[in-house]
Amino acid sequence: MKIPNWLEQHFGWLGLTLTFLVAIFPKTFAKIGMLIRFAFTNYWLQLGLFTIIILLLFVYRLLLKQQKKEP
């Protein structure tokens, strides 16, 4: 999968902007990190099942595309 052209051209600026945002608002990003950690530690089973379901749907979609291409 190829990165979109716009994102490829501005990848450095996006990284620099994100770095400055983390430097300016460290408490906000610390809260975001704590929320992510809380979600993964308390809801790991639900997140795992959700991930498996999404992957199965992705594989199913690919199989349907292959089936349509065959005569």
C-alpha atoms as a PDB file:
ATOM      1  CA  MET A   1       0.000   0.000   0.000  1.00  0.00           C
ATOM      2  CA  LYS A   2       1.482   3.304  -1.070  1.00  0.00           C
ATOM      3  CA  ILE A   3       1.477   6.382   1.131  1.00  0.00           C
ATOM      4  CA  PRO A   4      -0.629   9.176  -0.377  1.00  0.00           C
ATOM      5  CA  ASN A   5       1.478  11.731  -2.237  1.00  0.00           C
ATOM      6  CA  TRP A   6       0.500  14.666   0.000  1.00  0.00           C
ATOM      7  CA  LEU A   7       1.396  12.763   3.173  1.00  0.00           C
ATOM      8  CA  GLU A   8       4.682  11.642   1.670  1.00  0.00           C
ATOM      9  CA  GLN A   9       5.640  15.217   0.806  1.00  0.00           C
ATOM     10  CA  HIS A  10       4.680  16.663   4.210  1.00  0.00           C
ATOM     11  CA  PHE A  11       5.784  13.792   6.454  1.00  0.00           C
ATOM     12  CA  GLY A  12       8.689  15.761   7.950  1.00  0.00           C
ATOM     13  CA  TRP A  13       6.536  18.774   8.734  1.00  0.00           C
ATOM     14  CA  LEU A  14       3.879  16.606  10.353  1.00  0.00           C
ATOM     15  CA  GLY A  15       6.493  14.977  12.575  1.00  0.00           C
ATOM     16  CA  LEU A  16       7.971  18.326  13.515  1.00  0.00           C
ATOM     17  CA  THR A  17       4.536  19.756  14.309  1.00  0.00           C
ATOM     18  CA  LEU A  18       3.648  16.762  16.474  1.00  0.00           C
ATOM     19  CA  THR A  19       6.969  17.080  18.314  1.00  0.00           C
ATOM     20  CA  PHE A  20       6.317  20.759  19.057  1.00  0.00           C
ATOM     21  CA  LEU A  21       2.783  20.000  20.222  1.00  0.00           C
ATOM     22  CA  VAL A  22       4.096  17.378  22.652  1.00  0.00           C
ATOM     23  CA  ALA A  23       6.708  19.863  23.891  1.00  0.00           C
ATOM     24  CA  ILE A  24       4.126  22.633  24.374  1.00  0.00           C
ATOM     25  CA  PHE A  25       1.353  20.476  25.911  1.00  0.00           C
ATOM     26  CA  PRO A  26       3.078  17.611  27.770  1.00  0.00           C
ATOM     27  CA  LYS A  27       0.294  17.169  30.344  1.00  0.00           C
ATOM     28  CA  THR A  28      -2.321  16.751  27.640  1.00  0.00           C
ATOM     29  CA  PHE A  29      -0.321  14.045  25.878  1.00  0.00           C
ATOM     30  CA  ALA A  30       0.395  12.396  29.241  1.00  0.00           C
ATOM     31  CA  LYS A  31      -3.367  12.237  29.865  1.00  0.00           C
ATOM     32  CA  ILE A  32      -3.906  10.747  26.417  1.00  0.00           C
ATOM     33  CA  GLY A  33      -1.251   8.134  27.180  1.00  0.00           C
ATOM     34  CA  MET A  34      -2.863   7.321  30.532  1.00  0.00           C
ATOM     35  CA  LEU A  35      -6.261   6.907  28.833  1.00  0.00           C
ATOM     36  CA  ILE A  36      -4.764   4.565  26.242  1.00  0.00           C
ATOM     37  CA  ARG A  37      -3.014   2.554  28.971  1.00  0.00           C
ATOM     38  CA  PHE A  38      -6.242   2.411  31.004  1.00  0.00           C
ATOM     39  CA  ALA A  39      -8.190   1.207  27.970  1.00  0.00           C
ATOM     40  CA  PHE A  40      -5.665  -1.503  27.118  1.00  0.00           C
ATOM     41  CA  THR A  41      -5.286  -2.773  30.668  1.00  0.00           C
ATOM     42  CA  ASN A  42      -9.004  -2.806  31.472  1.00  0.00           C
ATOM     43  CA  TYR A  43     -10.509  -3.654  28.108  1.00  0.00           C
ATOM     44  CA  TRP A  44      -7.815  -5.855  26.535  1.00  0.00           C
ATOM     45  CA  LEU A  45     -10.211  -8.727  25.862  1.00  0.00           C
ATOM     46  CA  GLN A  46     -12.797  -6.548  24.122  1.00  0.00           C
ATOM     47  CA  LEU A  47     -10.099  -4.763  22.108  1.00  0.00           C
ATOM     48  CA  GLY A  48      -8.577  -8.098  21.097  1.00  0.00           C
ATOM     49  CA  LEU A  49     -11.921  -9.471  19.958  1.00  0.00           C
ATOM     50  CA  PHE A  50     -12.666  -6.266  18.068  1.00  0.00           C
ATOM     51  CA  THR A  51      -9.283  -6.513  16.313  1.00  0.00           C
ATOM     52  CA  ILE A  52      -9.899 -10.155  15.356  1.00  0.00           C
ATOM     53  CA  ILE A  53     -13.361  -9.321  13.979  1.00  0.00           C
ATOM     54  CA  ILE A  54     -11.991  -6.421  11.915  1.00  0.00           C
ATOM     55  CA  LEU A  55      -9.229  -8.643  10.495  1.00  0.00           C
ATOM     56  CA  LEU A  56     -11.719 -11.385   9.636  1.00  0.00           C
ATOM     57  CA  LEU A  57     -13.945  -8.870   7.854  1.00  0.00           C
ATOM     58  CA  PHE A  58     -10.925  -7.601   5.919  1.00  0.00           C
ATOM     59  CA  VAL A  59     -10.006 -11.153   4.820  1.00  0.00           C
ATOM     60  CA  TYR A  60     -13.645 -11.858   3.900  1.00  0.00           C
ATOM     61  CA  ARG A  61     -13.727  -8.720   1.753  1.00  0.00           C
ATOM     62  CA  LEU A  62     -10.524  -9.757  -0.035  1.00  0.00           C
ATOM     63  CA  LEU A  63     -11.923 -13.230  -0.684  1.00  0.00           C
ATOM     64  CA  LEU A  64     -15.094 -11.736  -2.133  1.00  0.00           C
ATOM     65  CA  LYS A  65     -13.037  -9.541  -4.469  1.00  0.00           C
ATOM     66  CA  GLN A  66     -11.051 -12.560  -5.661  1.00  0.00           C
ATOM     67  CA  GLN A  67     -14.215 -14.556  -6.195  1.00  0.00           C
ATOM     68  CA  LYS A  68     -15.749 -11.810  -8.338  1.00  0.00           C
ATOM     69  CA  LYS A  69     -12.664 -11.633 -10.569  1.00  0.00           C
ATOM     70  CA  GLU A  70     -12.736 -15.367 -11.363  1.00  0.00           C
ATOM     71  CA  PRO A  71     -15.061 -16.339 -14.251  1.00  0.00           C
END
